[in-house]
Amino acid sequence: MELKKEDLISKERLSKLAILDTLLAKKEPLTEAEDVIELKWADIATASHHLLRTMVTTLVRRAQRKTSFVGTKRS
């Protein structure tokens, strides 16, 4: 059940990114509605990127801390 929900969320995100990609590739001026959508989804994509980068950095730091404890004795 949880996997299905995550899959739907991923599909929705990919769909939005595809629409954003289409808007960014347009040569003619965007309509006002398209402009609003482009700005909103660009903000979301940027926020997602920063969130992912933060999560990866946190996981790497945790892994480094765990490996630094390997071989040390606890008293």
PDB file of N, CA and C in Angstrom:
ATOM      1  N   MET A   1       0.824  -1.188   0.000  1.00  0.00           N
ATOM      2  CA  MET A   1       0.000   0.000   0.000  1.00  0.00           C
ATOM      3  C   MET A   1       0.872   1.257   0.000  1.00  0.00           C
ATOM      4  N   GLU A   2       1.868   1.291   0.863  1.00  0.00           N
ATOM      5  CA  GLU A   2       2.774   2.439   0.964  1.00  0.00           C
ATOM      6  C   GLU A   2       3.567   2.621  -0.331  1.00  0.00           C
ATOM      7  N   LEU A   3       3.978   1.516  -0.930  1.00  0.00           N
ATOM      8  CA  LEU A   3       4.732   1.573  -2.186  1.00  0.00           C
ATOM      9  C   LEU A   3       3.872   2.166  -3.294  1.00  0.00           C
ATOM     10  N   LYS A   4       2.609   1.828  -3.326  1.00  0.00           N
ATOM     11  CA  LYS A   4       1.691   2.353  -4.331  1.00  0.00           C
ATOM     12  C   LYS A   4       1.561   3.868  -4.184  1.00  0.00           C
ATOM     13  N   LYS A   5       1.459   4.338  -2.952  1.00  0.00           N
ATOM     14  CA  LYS A   5       1.342   5.768  -2.680  1.00  0.00           C
ATOM     15  C   LYS A   5       2.602   6.503  -3.137  1.00  0.00           C
ATOM     16  N   GLU A   6       3.777   5.952  -2.811  1.00  0.00           N
ATOM     17  CA  GLU A   6       5.041   6.555  -3.226  1.00  0.00           C
ATOM     18  C   GLU A   6       5.160   6.569  -4.745  1.00  0.00           C
ATOM     19  N   ASP A   7       4.699   5.509  -5.384  1.00  0.00           N
ATOM     20  CA  ASP A   7       4.741   5.426  -6.842  1.00  0.00           C
ATOM     21  C   ASP A   7       3.860   6.502  -7.476  1.00  0.00           C
ATOM     22  N   LEU A   8       2.675   6.704  -6.919  1.00  0.00           N
ATOM     23  CA  LEU A   8       1.776   7.741  -7.427  1.00  0.00           C
ATOM     24  C   LEU A   8       2.374   9.137  -7.248  1.00  0.00           C
ATOM     25  N   ILE A   9       3.012   9.367  -6.117  1.00  0.00           N
ATOM     26  CA  ILE A   9       3.647  10.659  -5.854  1.00  0.00           C
ATOM     27  C   ILE A   9       4.778  10.892  -6.848  1.00  0.00           C
ATOM     28  N   SER A  10       5.573   9.855  -7.102  1.00  0.00           N
ATOM     29  CA  SER A  10       6.670   9.968  -8.062  1.00  0.00           C
ATOM     30  C   SER A  10       6.155  10.246  -9.470  1.00  0.00           C
ATOM     31  N   LYS A  11       5.082   9.559  -9.862  1.00  0.00           N
ATOM     32  CA  LYS A  11       4.506   9.776 -11.189  1.00  0.00           C
ATOM     33  C   LYS A  11       3.975  11.199 -11.330  1.00  0.00           C
ATOM     34  N   GLU A  12       3.333  11.711 -10.278  1.00  0.00           N
ATOM     35  CA  GLU A  12       2.815  13.072 -10.307  1.00  0.00           C
ATOM     36  C   GLU A  12       3.957  14.076 -10.446  1.00  0.00           C
ATOM     37  N   ARG A  13       5.029  13.858  -9.697  1.00  0.00           N
ATOM     38  CA  ARG A  13       6.184  14.754  -9.754  1.00  0.00           C
ATOM     39  C   ARG A  13       6.809  14.731 -11.148  1.00  0.00           C
ATOM     40  N   LEU A  14       6.951  13.543 -11.731  1.00  0.00           N
ATOM     41  CA  LEU A  14       7.513  13.438 -13.078  1.00  0.00           C
ATOM     42  C   LEU A  14       6.628  14.138 -14.101  1.00  0.00           C
ATOM     43  N   SER A  15       5.330  14.014 -13.938  1.00  0.00           N
ATOM     44  CA  SER A  15       4.393  14.672 -14.829  1.00  0.00           C
ATOM     45  C   SER A  15       4.550  16.192 -14.758  1.00  0.00           C
ATOM     46  N   LYS A  16       4.659  16.719 -13.547  1.00  0.00           N
ATOM     47  CA  LYS A  16       4.840  18.155 -13.375  1.00  0.00           C
ATOM     48  C   LYS A  16       6.167  18.621 -13.959  1.00  0.00           C
ATOM     49  N   LEU A  17       7.212  17.833 -13.764  1.00  0.00           N
ATOM     50  CA  LEU A  17       8.509  18.198 -14.325  1.00  0.00           C
ATOM     51  C   LEU A  17       8.484  18.176 -15.848  1.00  0.00           C
ATOM     52  N   ALA A  18       7.739  17.245 -16.427  1.00  0.00           N
ATOM     53  CA  ALA A  18       7.623  17.183 -17.886  1.00  0.00           C
ATOM     54  C   ALA A  18       6.900  18.419 -18.413  1.00  0.00           C
ATOM     55  N   ILE A  19       5.848  18.844 -17.715  1.00  0.00           N
ATOM     56  CA  ILE A  19       5.130  20.060 -18.115  1.00  0.00           C
ATOM     57  C   ILE A  19       6.043  21.278 -17.968  1.00  0.00           C
ATOM     58  N   LEU A  20       6.785  21.348 -16.881  1.00  0.00           N
ATOM     59  CA  LEU A  20       7.725  22.449 -16.671  1.00  0.00           C
ATOM     60  C   LEU A  20       8.758  22.470 -17.784  1.00  0.00           C
ATOM     61  N   ASP A  21       9.268  21.306 -18.137  1.00  0.00           N
ATOM     62  CA  ASP A  21      10.245  21.194 -19.218  1.00  0.00           C
ATOM     63  C   ASP A  21       9.665  21.722 -20.532  1.00  0.00           C
ATOM     64  N   THR A  22       8.409  21.397 -20.807  1.00  0.00           N
ATOM     65  CA  THR A  22       7.729  21.871 -22.013  1.00  0.00           C
ATOM     66  C   THR A  22       7.603  23.396 -21.992  1.00  0.00           C
ATOM     67  N   LEU A  23       7.222  23.944 -20.845  1.00  0.00           N
ATOM     68  CA  LEU A  23       7.089  25.390 -20.726  1.00  0.00           C
ATOM     69  C   LEU A  23       8.431  26.098 -20.917  1.00  0.00           C
ATOM     70  N   LEU A  24       9.479  25.512 -20.353  1.00  0.00           N
ATOM     71  CA  LEU A  24      10.810  26.109 -20.483  1.00  0.00           C
ATOM     72  C   LEU A  24      11.319  26.073 -21.924  1.00  0.00           C
ATOM     73  N   ALA A  25      10.891  25.075 -22.674  1.00  0.00           N
ATOM     74  CA  ALA A  25      11.353  24.906 -24.048  1.00  0.00           C
ATOM     75  C   ALA A  25      10.569  25.750 -25.058  1.00  0.00           C
ATOM     76  N   LYS A  26       9.450  26.314 -24.655  1.00  0.00           N
ATOM     77  CA  LYS A  26       8.619  27.102 -25.569  1.00  0.00           C
ATOM     78  C   LYS A  26       9.391  28.315 -26.084  1.00  0.00           C
ATOM     79  N   LYS A  27       9.267  28.563 -27.391  1.00  0.00           N
ATOM     80  CA  LYS A  27       9.941  29.709 -28.002  1.00  0.00           C
ATOM     81  C   LYS A  27       9.085  30.977 -27.928  1.00  0.00           C
ATOM     82  N   GLU A  28       7.759  30.799 -28.080  1.00  0.00           N
ATOM     83  CA  GLU A  28       6.872  31.961 -28.031  1.00  0.00           C
ATOM     84  C   GLU A  28       6.615  32.360 -26.577  1.00  0.00           C
ATOM     85  N   PRO A  29       6.185  33.606 -26.360  1.00  0.00           N
ATOM     86  CA  PRO A  29       5.912  34.052 -24.987  1.00  0.00           C
ATOM     87  C   PRO A  29       4.846  33.181 -24.314  1.00  0.00           C
ATOM     88  N   LEU A  30       5.010  32.990 -23.015  1.00  0.00           N
ATOM     89  CA  LEU A  30       4.059  32.198 -22.245  1.00  0.00           C
ATOM     90  C   LEU A  30       2.820  33.033 -21.934  1.00  0.00           C
ATOM     91  N   THR A  31       1.688  32.336 -21.812  1.00  0.00           N
ATOM     92  CA  THR A  31       0.485  33.018 -21.332  1.00  0.00           C
ATOM     93  C   THR A  31       0.693  33.330 -19.863  1.00  0.00           C
ATOM     94  N   GLU A  32      -0.150  34.145 -19.300  1.00  0.00           N
ATOM     95  CA  GLU A  32      -0.021  34.490 -17.889  1.00  0.00           C
ATOM     96  C   GLU A  32      -0.149  33.249 -17.008  1.00  0.00           C
ATOM     97  N   ALA A  33      -1.085  32.365 -17.352  1.00  0.00           N
ATOM     98  CA  ALA A  33      -1.280  31.130 -16.572  1.00  0.00           C
ATOM     99  C   ALA A  33      -0.048  30.232 -16.678  1.00  0.00           C
ATOM    100  N   GLU A  34       0.509  30.109 -17.879  1.00  0.00           N
ATOM    101  CA  GLU A  34       1.704  29.283 -18.056  1.00  0.00           C
ATOM    102  C   GLU A  34       2.881  29.858 -17.277  1.00  0.00           C
ATOM    103  N   ASP A  35       2.976  31.175 -17.271  1.00  0.00           N
ATOM    104  CA  ASP A  35       4.056  31.838 -16.547  1.00  0.00           C
ATOM    105  C   ASP A  35       3.964  31.548 -15.050  1.00  0.00           C
ATOM    106  N   VAL A  36       2.756  31.605 -14.505  1.00  0.00           N
ATOM    107  CA  VAL A  36       2.536  31.315 -13.080  1.00  0.00           C
ATOM    108  C   VAL A  36       2.909  29.868 -12.777  1.00  0.00           C
ATOM    109  N   ILE A  37       2.466  28.947 -13.627  1.00  0.00           N
ATOM    110  CA  ILE A  37       2.777  27.525 -13.436  1.00  0.00           C
ATOM    111  C   ILE A  37       4.280  27.295 -13.492  1.00  0.00           C
ATOM    112  N   GLU A  38       4.940  27.906 -14.477  1.00  0.00           N
ATOM    113  CA  GLU A  38       6.384  27.738 -14.620  1.00  0.00           C
ATOM    114  C   GLU A  38       7.113  28.199 -13.363  1.00  0.00           C
ATOM    115  N   LEU A  39       6.761  29.368 -12.873  1.00  0.00           N
ATOM    116  CA  LEU A  39       7.428  29.890 -11.678  1.00  0.00           C
ATOM    117  C   LEU A  39       7.173  29.025 -10.452  1.00  0.00           C
ATOM    118  N   LYS A  40       5.925  28.592 -10.271  1.00  0.00           N
ATOM    119  CA  LYS A  40       5.572  27.769  -9.110  1.00  0.00           C
ATOM    120  C   LYS A  40       6.314  26.437  -9.143  1.00  0.00           C
ATOM    121  N   TRP A  41       6.282  25.753 -10.287  1.00  0.00           N
ATOM    122  CA  TRP A  41       6.918  24.446 -10.376  1.00  0.00           C
ATOM    123  C   TRP A  41       8.437  24.535 -10.373  1.00  0.00           C
ATOM    124  N   ALA A  42       8.977  25.629 -10.880  1.00  0.00           N
ATOM    125  CA  ALA A  42      10.423  25.824 -10.801  1.00  0.00           C
ATOM    126  C   ALA A  42      10.844  25.970  -9.342  1.00  0.00           C
ATOM    127  N   ASP A  43      10.025  26.698  -8.557  1.00  0.00           N
ATOM    128  CA  ASP A  43      10.307  26.835  -7.121  1.00  0.00           C
ATOM    129  C   ASP A  43      10.236  25.484  -6.420  1.00  0.00           C
ATOM    130  N   ILE A  44       9.224  24.702  -6.774  1.00  0.00           N
ATOM    131  CA  ILE A  44       9.069  23.373  -6.176  1.00  0.00           C
ATOM    132  C   ILE A  44      10.248  22.476  -6.538  1.00  0.00           C
ATOM    133  N   ALA A  45      10.660  22.508  -7.799  1.00  0.00           N
ATOM    134  CA  ALA A  45      11.788  21.684  -8.241  1.00  0.00           C
ATOM    135  C   ALA A  45      13.067  22.093  -7.513  1.00  0.00           C
ATOM    136  N   THR A  46      13.267  23.396  -7.353  1.00  0.00           N
ATOM    137  CA  THR A  46      14.452  23.890  -6.643  1.00  0.00           C
ATOM    138  C   THR A  46      14.414  23.459  -5.179  1.00  0.00           C
ATOM    139  N   ALA A  47      13.268  23.595  -4.543  1.00  0.00           N
ATOM    140  CA  ALA A  47      13.134  23.193  -3.140  1.00  0.00           C
ATOM    141  C   ALA A  47      13.367  21.694  -2.987  1.00  0.00           C
ATOM    142  N   SER A  48      12.848  20.904  -3.927  1.00  0.00           N
ATOM    143  CA  SER A  48      13.049  19.449  -3.878  1.00  0.00           C
ATOM    144  C   SER A  48      14.521  19.113  -4.006  1.00  0.00           C
ATOM    145  N   HIS A  49      15.212  19.824  -4.889  1.00  0.00           N
ATOM    146  CA  HIS A  49      16.647  19.584  -5.081  1.00  0.00           C
ATOM    147  C   HIS A  49      17.418  19.880  -3.794  1.00  0.00           C
ATOM    148  N   HIS A  50      17.106  21.013  -3.153  1.00  0.00           N
ATOM    149  CA  HIS A  50      17.789  21.373  -1.912  1.00  0.00           C
ATOM    150  C   HIS A  50      17.473  20.377  -0.801  1.00  0.00           C
ATOM    151  N   LEU A  51      16.227  19.936  -0.734  1.00  0.00           N
ATOM    152  CA  LEU A  51      15.841  18.950   0.276  1.00  0.00           C
ATOM    153  C   LEU A  51      16.590  17.639   0.058  1.00  0.00           C
ATOM    154  N   LEU A  52      16.653  17.183  -1.189  1.00  0.00           N
ATOM    155  CA  LEU A  52      17.363  15.942  -1.504  1.00  0.00           C
ATOM    156  C   LEU A  52      18.838  16.069  -1.153  1.00  0.00           C
ATOM    157  N   ARG A  53      19.447  17.209  -1.494  1.00  0.00           N
ATOM    158  CA  ARG A  53      20.863  17.421  -1.188  1.00  0.00           C
ATOM    159  C   ARG A  53      21.102  17.393   0.322  1.00  0.00           C
ATOM    160  N   THR A  54      20.203  18.007   1.083  1.00  0.00           N
ATOM    161  CA  THR A  54      20.326  18.012   2.540  1.00  0.00           C
ATOM    162  C   THR A  54      20.200  16.600   3.103  1.00  0.00           C
ATOM    163  N   MET A  55      19.252  15.838   2.566  1.00  0.00           N
ATOM    164  CA  MET A  55      19.061  14.462   3.032  1.00  0.00           C
ATOM    165  C   MET A  55      20.296  13.612   2.737  1.00  0.00           C
ATOM    166  N   VAL A  56      20.854  13.738   1.558  1.00  0.00           N
ATOM    167  CA  VAL A  56      22.042  12.962   1.192  1.00  0.00           C
ATOM    168  C   VAL A  56      23.217  13.350   2.077  1.00  0.00           C
ATOM    169  N   THR A  57      23.395  14.640   2.306  1.00  0.00           N
ATOM    170  CA  THR A  57      24.484  15.105   3.169  1.00  0.00           C
ATOM    171  C   THR A  57      24.340  14.541   4.575  1.00  0.00           C
ATOM    172  N   THR A  58      23.140  14.538   5.097  1.00  0.00           N
ATOM    173  CA  THR A  58      22.877  14.001   6.431  1.00  0.00           C
ATOM    174  C   THR A  58      23.199  12.514   6.491  1.00  0.00           C
ATOM    175  N   LEU A  59      22.770  11.770   5.481  1.00  0.00           N
ATOM    176  CA  LEU A  59      23.041  10.329   5.453  1.00  0.00           C
ATOM    177  C   LEU A  59      24.535  10.047   5.359  1.00  0.00           C
ATOM    178  N   VAL A  60      25.249  10.819   4.563  1.00  0.00           N
ATOM    179  CA  VAL A  60      26.702  10.632   4.429  1.00  0.00           C
ATOM    180  C   VAL A  60      27.382  10.907   5.763  1.00  0.00           C
ATOM    181  N   ARG A  61      26.979  11.973   6.428  1.00  0.00           N
ATOM    182  CA  ARG A  61      27.586  12.300   7.729  1.00  0.00           C
ATOM    183  C   ARG A  61      27.312  11.212   8.760  1.00  0.00           C
ATOM    184  N   ARG A  62      26.091  10.674   8.762  1.00  0.00           N
ATOM    185  CA  ARG A  62      25.769   9.578   9.687  1.00  0.00           C
ATOM    186  C   ARG A  62      26.635   8.357   9.398  1.00  0.00           C
ATOM    187  N   ALA A  63      26.788   8.048   8.117  1.00  0.00           N
ATOM    188  CA  ALA A  63      27.609   6.891   7.739  1.00  0.00           C
ATOM    189  C   ALA A  63      29.060   7.111   8.152  1.00  0.00           C
ATOM    190  N   GLN A  64      29.554   8.322   7.990  1.00  0.00           N
ATOM    191  CA  GLN A  64      30.933   8.624   8.378  1.00  0.00           C
ATOM    192  C   GLN A  64      31.120   8.494   9.884  1.00  0.00           C
ATOM    193  N   ARG A  65      30.120   8.942  10.645  1.00  0.00           N
ATOM    194  CA  ARG A  65      30.207   8.822  12.107  1.00  0.00           C
ATOM    195  C   ARG A  65      30.213   7.360  12.531  1.00  0.00           C
ATOM    196  N   LYS A  66      29.384   6.546  11.888  1.00  0.00           N
ATOM    197  CA  LYS A  66      29.325   5.129  12.232  1.00  0.00           C
ATOM    198  C   LYS A  66      30.650   4.450  11.932  1.00  0.00           C
ATOM    199  N   THR A  67      31.263   4.776  10.797  1.00  0.00           N
ATOM    200  CA  THR A  67      32.523   4.130  10.449  1.00  0.00           C
ATOM    201  C   THR A  67      33.659   4.624  11.327  1.00  0.00           C
ATOM    202  N   SER A  68      33.551   5.835  11.862  1.00  0.00           N
ATOM    203  CA  SER A  68      34.612   6.329  12.736  1.00  0.00           C
ATOM    204  C   SER A  68      34.586   5.618  14.090  1.00  0.00           C
ATOM    205  N   PHE A  69      33.446   5.029  14.465  1.00  0.00           N
ATOM    206  CA  PHE A  69      33.336   4.301  15.728  1.00  0.00           C
ATOM    207  C   PHE A  69      33.780   2.849  15.601  1.00  0.00           C
ATOM    208  N   VAL A  70      33.867   2.356  14.379  1.00  0.00           N
ATOM    209  CA  VAL A  70      34.255   0.969  14.182  1.00  0.00           C
ATOM    210  C   VAL A  70      35.700   0.797  14.638  1.00  0.00           C
ATOM    211  N   GLY A  71      35.944  -0.184  15.459  1.00  0.00           N
ATOM    212  CA  GLY A  71      37.286  -0.460  15.941  1.00  0.00           C
ATOM    213  C   GLY A  71      37.640   0.244  17.245  1.00  0.00           C
ATOM    214  N   THR A  72      36.783   1.106  17.706  1.00  0.00           N
ATOM    215  CA  THR A  72      37.042   1.766  18.997  1.00  0.00           C
ATOM    216  C   THR A  72      36.333   0.997  20.081  1.00  0.00           C
ATOM    217  N   LYS A  73      36.953   0.922  21.238  1.00  0.00           N
ATOM    218  CA  LYS A  73      36.364   0.208  22.362  1.00  0.00           C
ATOM    219  C   LYS A  73      35.583   1.162  23.223  1.00  0.00           C
ATOM    220  N   ARG A  74      34.448   0.694  23.693  1.00  0.00           N
ATOM    221  CA  ARG A  74      33.668   1.474  24.641  1.00  0.00           C
ATOM    222  C   ARG A  74      33.987   1.018  26.042  1.00  0.00           C
ATOM    223  N   SER A  75      34.145   1.962  26.926  1.00  0.00           N
ATOM    224  CA  SER A  75      34.484   1.625  28.322  1.00  0.00           C
ATOM    225  C   SER A  75      33.253   1.578  29.166  1.00  0.00           C
TER     226      SER A  75
END
